[in-house]
PDB file of N, CA and C in Angstrom:
ATOM      1  N   MET A   1      -6.793   3.588 -21.945  1.00  0.00           N
ATOM      2  CA  MET A   1      -7.145   3.201 -20.443  1.00  0.00           C
ATOM      3  C   MET A   1      -6.546   3.696 -19.468  1.00  0.00           C
ATOM      4  N   GLN A   2      -5.116   3.718 -20.010  1.00  0.00           N
ATOM      5  CA  GLN A   2      -3.985   3.495 -18.989  1.00  0.00           C
ATOM      6  C   GLN A   2      -3.739   5.608 -19.175  1.00  0.00           C
ATOM      7  N   GLY A   3      -3.760   5.711 -19.755  1.00  0.00           N
ATOM      8  CA  GLY A   3      -3.944   7.727 -19.867  1.00  0.00           C
ATOM      9  C   GLY A   3      -4.719   7.750 -18.866  1.00  0.00           C
ATOM     10  N   ILE A   4      -6.059   7.035 -18.032  1.00  0.00           N
ATOM     11  CA  ILE A   4      -6.790   7.403 -17.621  1.00  0.00           C
ATOM     12  C   ILE A   4      -7.148   7.468 -15.888  1.00  0.00           C
ATOM     13  N   ALA A   5      -6.613   5.985 -15.805  1.00  0.00           N
ATOM     14  CA  ALA A   5      -5.795   5.424 -14.728  1.00  0.00           C
ATOM     15  C   ALA A   5      -4.560   6.679 -13.214  1.00  0.00           C
ATOM     16  N   VAL A   6      -3.975   6.871 -14.879  1.00  0.00           N
ATOM     17  CA  VAL A   6      -2.905   7.794 -14.281  1.00  0.00           C
ATOM     18  C   VAL A   6      -3.442   8.765 -13.766  1.00  0.00           C
ATOM     19  N   GLN A   7      -4.306   9.476 -14.782  1.00  0.00           N
ATOM     20  CA  GLN A   7      -5.081  10.239 -14.099  1.00  0.00           C
ATOM     21  C   GLN A   7      -5.108  10.293 -12.454  1.00  0.00           C
ATOM     22  N   GLN A   8      -6.391   9.151 -12.826  1.00  0.00           N
ATOM     23  CA  GLN A   8      -6.446   9.349 -11.412  1.00  0.00           C
ATOM     24  C   GLN A   8      -5.353   9.143 -10.301  1.00  0.00           C
ATOM     25  N   PHE A   9      -4.074   7.666 -10.962  1.00  0.00           N
ATOM     26  CA  PHE A   9      -3.140   7.574  -9.486  1.00  0.00           C
ATOM     27  C   PHE A   9      -2.953   8.616  -9.429  1.00  0.00           C
ATOM     28  N   ILE A  10      -2.224   9.746 -10.308  1.00  0.00           N
ATOM     29  CA  ILE A  10      -1.044  10.565  -9.422  1.00  0.00           C
ATOM     30  C   ILE A  10      -2.097  12.002  -8.580  1.00  0.00           C
ATOM     31  N   LYS A  11      -3.542  11.472  -8.073  1.00  0.00           N
ATOM     32  CA  LYS A  11      -4.605  12.469  -7.493  1.00  0.00           C
ATOM     33  C   LYS A  11      -4.033  11.618  -6.232  1.00  0.00           C
ATOM     34  N   ARG A  12      -3.449  10.931  -5.688  1.00  0.00           N
ATOM     35  CA  ARG A  12      -3.224  10.237  -4.880  1.00  0.00           C
ATOM     36  C   ARG A  12      -1.613  10.642  -4.542  1.00  0.00           C
ATOM     37  N   PHE A  13      -1.097  10.823  -4.508  1.00  0.00           N
ATOM     38  CA  PHE A  13       0.583  11.244  -4.118  1.00  0.00           C
ATOM     39  C   PHE A  13       1.173  13.208  -4.321  1.00  0.00           C
ATOM     40  N   ARG A  14       1.785  13.588  -3.433  1.00  0.00           N
ATOM     41  CA  ARG A  14       2.055  15.433  -3.982  1.00  0.00           C
ATOM     42  C   ARG A  14       3.346  14.918  -4.288  1.00  0.00           C
ATOM     43  N   ARG A  15       3.304  15.791  -5.273  1.00  0.00           N
ATOM     44  CA  ARG A  15       4.858  16.519  -5.641  1.00  0.00           C
ATOM     45  C   ARG A  15       5.813  17.100  -4.381  1.00  0.00           C
ATOM     46  N   GLU A  16       6.769  16.212  -4.312  1.00  0.00           N
ATOM     47  CA  GLU A  16       7.822  17.395  -3.454  1.00  0.00           C
ATOM     48  C   GLU A  16       8.498  17.719  -3.959  1.00  0.00           C
ATOM     49  N   GLY A  17       8.674  17.868  -5.865  1.00  0.00           N
ATOM     50  CA  GLY A  17      10.312  18.240  -6.661  1.00  0.00           C
ATOM     51  C   GLY A  17      10.279  17.681  -8.219  1.00  0.00           C
ATOM     52  N   ALA A  18      11.254  17.662  -8.476  1.00  0.00           N
ATOM     53  CA  ALA A  18      11.611  16.525  -9.469  1.00  0.00           C
ATOM     54  C   ALA A  18      11.739  15.777  -8.954  1.00  0.00           C
ATOM     55  N   GLY A  19      10.951  14.692  -9.563  1.00  0.00           N
ATOM     56  CA  GLY A  19      11.269  13.266 -10.097  1.00  0.00           C
ATOM     57  C   GLY A  19      11.602  12.766  -7.699  1.00  0.00           C
ATOM     58  N   VAL A  20      10.590  13.042  -7.475  1.00  0.00           N
ATOM     59  CA  VAL A  20      10.312  12.585  -6.144  1.00  0.00           C
ATOM     60  C   VAL A  20       9.110  13.045  -6.020  1.00  0.00           C
ATOM     61  N   TRP A  21       8.050  11.536  -5.031  1.00  0.00           N
ATOM     62  CA  TRP A  21       6.720  11.696  -4.879  1.00  0.00           C
ATOM     63  C   TRP A  21       6.711  11.210  -3.881  1.00  0.00           C
ATOM     64  N   LEU A  22       5.246  11.452  -3.011  1.00  0.00           N
ATOM     65  CA  LEU A  22       4.932  10.968  -1.235  1.00  0.00           C
ATOM     66  C   LEU A  22       3.651  10.568  -1.484  1.00  0.00           C
ATOM     67  N   CYS A  23       2.859   9.654  -1.406  1.00  0.00           N
ATOM     68  CA  CYS A  23       2.252   8.843  -2.206  1.00  0.00           C
ATOM     69  C   CYS A  23       1.083   9.093  -0.463  1.00  0.00           C
ATOM     70  N   VAL A  24      -0.082   9.581  -0.040  1.00  0.00           N
ATOM     71  CA  VAL A  24      -1.192  10.288   0.506  1.00  0.00           C
ATOM     72  C   VAL A  24      -2.112   9.695   0.813  1.00  0.00           C
ATOM     73  N   GLU A  25      -2.304   8.834  -0.099  1.00  0.00           N
ATOM     74  CA  GLU A  25      -3.322   7.715  -0.048  1.00  0.00           C
ATOM     75  C   GLU A  25      -3.135   6.339  -0.227  1.00  0.00           C
ATOM     76  N   PRO A  26      -4.152   5.324  -0.329  1.00  0.00           N
ATOM     77  CA  PRO A  26      -3.869   4.129  -0.755  1.00  0.00           C
ATOM     78  C   PRO A  26      -4.310   4.270  -2.501  1.00  0.00           C
ATOM     79  N   ALA A  27      -3.224   3.418  -2.927  1.00  0.00           N
ATOM     80  CA  ALA A  27      -3.282   3.696  -4.559  1.00  0.00           C
ATOM     81  C   ALA A  27      -3.581   2.763  -5.177  1.00  0.00           C
ATOM     82  N   THR A  28      -3.933   2.478  -5.787  1.00  0.00           N
ATOM     83  CA  THR A  28      -3.187   1.454  -6.836  1.00  0.00           C
ATOM     84  C   THR A  28      -3.835   1.410  -8.538  1.00  0.00           C
ATOM     85  N   ILE A  29      -3.472   0.763  -9.082  1.00  0.00           N
ATOM     86  CA  ILE A  29      -3.212   0.842 -10.906  1.00  0.00           C
ATOM     87  C   ILE A  29      -3.034  -0.494 -11.470  1.00  0.00           C
ATOM     88  N   ASP A  30      -3.564  -0.725 -12.455  1.00  0.00           N
ATOM     89  CA  ASP A  30      -2.840  -2.088 -13.144  1.00  0.00           C
ATOM     90  C   ASP A  30      -2.020  -1.444 -14.594  1.00  0.00           C
ATOM     91  N   LEU A  31      -1.433  -1.972 -14.753  1.00  0.00           N
ATOM     92  CA  LEU A  31      -0.134  -1.555 -15.662  1.00  0.00           C
ATOM     93  C   LEU A  31       0.274  -2.588 -16.224  1.00  0.00           C
ATOM     94  N   PRO A  32       0.855  -2.424 -17.335  1.00  0.00           N
ATOM     95  CA  PRO A  32       1.096  -3.374 -18.270  1.00  0.00           C
ATOM     96  C   PRO A  32       2.168  -4.716 -17.918  1.00  0.00           C
ATOM     97  N   GLN A  33       2.683  -3.878 -16.415  1.00  0.00           N
ATOM     98  CA  GLN A  33       4.221  -5.286 -15.040  1.00  0.00           C
ATOM     99  C   GLN A  33       2.795  -5.396 -14.590  1.00  0.00           C
ATOM    100  N   GLY A  34       2.006  -5.278 -14.234  1.00  0.00           N
ATOM    101  CA  GLY A  34       1.006  -5.859 -12.953  1.00  0.00           C
ATOM    102  C   GLY A  34       0.909  -4.936 -12.540  1.00  0.00           C
ATOM    103  N   ARG A  35       0.165  -5.299 -11.421  1.00  0.00           N
ATOM    104  CA  ARG A  35      -0.624  -4.343 -10.759  1.00  0.00           C
ATOM    105  C   ARG A  35       0.454  -3.225  -9.647  1.00  0.00           C
ATOM    106  N   VAL A  36       0.373  -2.821  -9.301  1.00  0.00           N
ATOM    107  CA  VAL A  36       0.990  -1.414  -8.821  1.00  0.00           C
ATOM    108  C   VAL A  36       0.124  -1.041  -6.829  1.00  0.00           C
ATOM    109  N   GLN A  37       0.592  -1.196  -5.916  1.00  0.00           N
ATOM    110  CA  GLN A  37      -0.093  -0.327  -4.395  1.00  0.00           C
ATOM    111  C   GLN A  37       0.846  -0.115  -4.315  1.00  0.00           C
ATOM    112  N   ALA A  38       0.008   0.702  -3.639  1.00  0.00           N
ATOM    113  CA  ALA A  38       1.364   1.999  -2.692  1.00  0.00           C
ATOM    114  C   ALA A  38       0.424   2.927  -1.389  1.00  0.00           C
ATOM    115  N   ALA A  39       0.603   2.894  -0.815  1.00  0.00           N
ATOM    116  CA  ALA A  39       0.176   3.184   0.652  1.00  0.00           C
ATOM    117  C   ALA A  39       0.946   3.887   1.392  1.00  0.00           C
ATOM    118  N   PRO A  40      -0.054   4.724   1.984  1.00  0.00           N
ATOM    119  CA  PRO A  40       0.476   6.036   2.071  1.00  0.00           C
ATOM    120  C   PRO A  40       1.490   6.179   3.290  1.00  0.00           C
ATOM    121  N   GLY A  41       2.384   7.296   3.435  1.00  0.00           N
ATOM    122  CA  GLY A  41       3.800   7.422   3.747  1.00  0.00           C
ATOM    123  C   GLY A  41       4.712   7.343   3.044  1.00  0.00           C
ATOM    124  N   ALA A  42       4.626   6.243   2.078  1.00  0.00           N
ATOM    125  CA  ALA A  42       5.205   5.541   0.599  1.00  0.00           C
ATOM    126  C   ALA A  42       5.726   7.255  -0.263  1.00  0.00           C
ATOM    127  N   ARG A  43       7.562   6.803  -0.120  1.00  0.00           N
ATOM    128  CA  ARG A  43       8.035   7.346  -0.838  1.00  0.00           C
ATOM    129  C   ARG A  43       8.720   7.696  -2.411  1.00  0.00           C
ATOM    130  N   PHE A  44       8.412   8.436  -3.449  1.00  0.00           N
ATOM    131  CA  PHE A  44       9.200   7.309  -4.267  1.00  0.00           C
ATOM    132  C   PHE A  44      10.408   8.752  -5.250  1.00  0.00           C
ATOM    133  N   VAL A  45      11.246   7.418  -5.832  1.00  0.00           N
ATOM    134  CA  VAL A  45      12.200   8.866  -6.513  1.00  0.00           C
ATOM    135  C   VAL A  45      12.314   8.013  -7.808  1.00  0.00           C
ATOM    136  N   ALA A  46      13.043   9.202  -8.675  1.00  0.00           N
ATOM    137  CA  ALA A  46      13.062   8.855 -10.068  1.00  0.00           C
ATOM    138  C   ALA A  46      14.008   8.130 -10.008  1.00  0.00           C
ATOM    139  N   GLY A  47      14.322   6.751 -10.477  1.00  0.00           N
ATOM    140  CA  GLY A  47      14.762   5.707 -10.765  1.00  0.00           C
ATOM    141  C   GLY A  47      15.214   4.577  -9.838  1.00  0.00           C
ATOM    142  N   ALA A  48      14.688   4.538  -8.527  1.00  0.00           N
ATOM    143  CA  ALA A  48      14.179   3.593  -7.766  1.00  0.00           C
ATOM    144  C   ALA A  48      12.855   2.951  -8.391  1.00  0.00           C
ATOM    145  N   LYS A  49      12.897   1.577  -9.206  1.00  0.00           N
ATOM    146  CA  LYS A  49      12.052   1.270  -9.195  1.00  0.00           C
ATOM    147  C   LYS A  49      11.221   0.134  -7.814  1.00  0.00           C
ATOM    148  N   PHE A  50      10.062   0.294  -8.459  1.00  0.00           N
ATOM    149  CA  PHE A  50       8.757  -0.386  -7.230  1.00  0.00           C
ATOM    150  C   PHE A  50       7.617  -1.455  -7.526  1.00  0.00           C
ATOM    151  N   MET A  51       7.693  -2.172  -7.455  1.00  0.00           N
ATOM    152  CA  MET A  51       6.936  -3.434  -7.695  1.00  0.00           C
ATOM    153  C   MET A  51       7.391  -4.143  -9.440  1.00  0.00           C
ATOM    154  N   ASN A  52       8.754  -3.071  -9.866  1.00  0.00           N
ATOM    155  CA  ASN A  52       9.162  -4.034 -11.170  1.00  0.00           C
ATOM    156  C   ASN A  52       8.893  -2.287 -11.758  1.00  0.00           C
ATOM    157  N   VAL A  53       8.324  -1.194 -11.479  1.00  0.00           N
ATOM    158  CA  VAL A  53       8.155  -0.516 -12.040  1.00  0.00           C
ATOM    159  C   VAL A  53       9.256   1.870 -11.150  1.00  0.00           C
ATOM    160  N   ASP A  54       8.998   1.759 -11.968  1.00  0.00           N
ATOM    161  CA  ASP A  54       9.384   3.569 -11.679  1.00  0.00           C
ATOM    162  C   ASP A  54       8.372   4.677 -11.540  1.00  0.00           C
ATOM    163  N   ILE A  55       7.709   4.345 -10.655  1.00  0.00           N
ATOM    164  CA  ILE A  55       6.800   5.152 -10.972  1.00  0.00           C
ATOM    165  C   ILE A  55       6.881   6.771 -10.224  1.00  0.00           C
ATOM    166  N   ALA A  56       8.245   7.421  -9.939  1.00  0.00           N
ATOM    167  CA  ALA A  56       8.235   8.969 -10.374  1.00  0.00           C
ATOM    168  C   ALA A  56       8.413   9.208 -11.173  1.00  0.00           C
ATOM    169  N   ARG A  57       8.746   8.183 -12.414  1.00  0.00           N
ATOM    170  CA  ARG A  57       8.831   8.606 -13.493  1.00  0.00           C
ATOM    171  C   ARG A  57       7.765   8.771 -14.183  1.00  0.00           C
ATOM    172  N   LEU A  58       6.835   7.459 -13.755  1.00  0.00           N
ATOM    173  CA  LEU A  58       5.283   7.629 -14.368  1.00  0.00           C
ATOM    174  C   LEU A  58       4.827   8.859 -13.585  1.00  0.00           C
ATOM    175  N   LEU A  59       4.800   8.664 -12.860  1.00  0.00           N
ATOM    176  CA  LEU A  59       3.947  10.294 -11.576  1.00  0.00           C
ATOM    177  C   LEU A  59       4.680  11.890 -12.092  1.00  0.00           C
ATOM    178  N   ASP A  60       6.010  11.821 -12.855  1.00  0.00           N
ATOM    179  CA  ASP A  60       6.488  13.001 -13.513  1.00  0.00           C
ATOM    180  C   ASP A  60       6.151  13.534 -15.073  1.00  0.00           C
ATOM    181  N   GLU A  61       5.209  11.784 -15.137  1.00  0.00           N
ATOM    182  CA  GLU A  61       5.526  12.357 -16.484  1.00  0.00           C
ATOM    183  C   GLU A  61       3.793  12.165 -16.827  1.00  0.00           C
ATOM    184  N   GLU A  62       3.397  11.761 -16.286  1.00  0.00           N
ATOM    185  CA  GLU A  62       1.786  12.502 -16.032  1.00  0.00           C
ATOM    186  C   GLU A  62       1.484  13.627 -16.019  1.00  0.00           C
ATOM    187  N   PHE A  63       2.603  14.024 -14.511  1.00  0.00           N
ATOM    188  CA  PHE A  63       2.334  15.673 -14.367  1.00  0.00           C
ATOM    189  C   PHE A  63       3.241  17.320 -15.288  1.00  0.00           C
ATOM    190  N   SER A  64       4.040  16.178 -16.074  1.00  0.00           N
ATOM    191  CA  SER A  64       4.603  17.143 -17.109  1.00  0.00           C
ATOM    192  C   SER A  64       3.505  17.340 -18.514  1.00  0.00           C
ATOM    193  N   ARG A  65       2.361  16.105 -18.282  1.00  0.00           N
ATOM    194  CA  ARG A  65       1.401  16.098 -19.754  1.00  0.00           C
ATOM    195  C   ARG A  65       0.471  16.780 -19.243  1.00  0.00           C
ATOM    196  N   GLN A  66       0.114  17.436 -17.521  1.00  0.00           N
ATOM    197  CA  GLN A  66      -1.586  17.305 -17.623  1.00  0.00           C
ATOM    198  C   GLN A  66      -0.789  19.439 -17.208  1.00  0.00           C
ATOM    199  N   ARG A  67       0.237  19.349 -17.103  1.00  0.00           N
ATOM    200  CA  ARG A  67       0.752  20.874 -17.314  1.00  0.00           C
ATOM    201  C   ARG A  67       0.837  20.635 -18.764  1.00  0.00           C
ATOM    202  N   SER A  68       0.577  20.825 -19.561  1.00  0.00           N
ATOM    203  CA  SER A  68       1.408  21.236 -20.940  1.00  0.00           C
ATOM    204  C   SER A  68      -0.342  21.409 -21.223  1.00  0.00           C
ATOM    205  N   ALA A  69      -1.271  20.523 -20.995  1.00  0.00           N
ATOM    206  CA  ALA A  69      -2.592  20.288 -21.482  1.00  0.00           C
ATOM    207  C   ALA A  69      -3.300  21.923 -21.856  1.00  0.00           C
TER     208      ALA A  69
END
């Protein structure tokens, strides 16, 4: 289930480079760590945690997974 959720979550972000993501639409995802919500304009960089989650790393992993599929 989380895989499908991440596939939808990433659609609400624009990749600005490796490890840098900009939220372009309101985004919500339920993870084992809890619900994570991001507002448009929020920028995430790898290594920085937001709501106890490294959002940029999560998005980078999904980006890589989609490219290799």
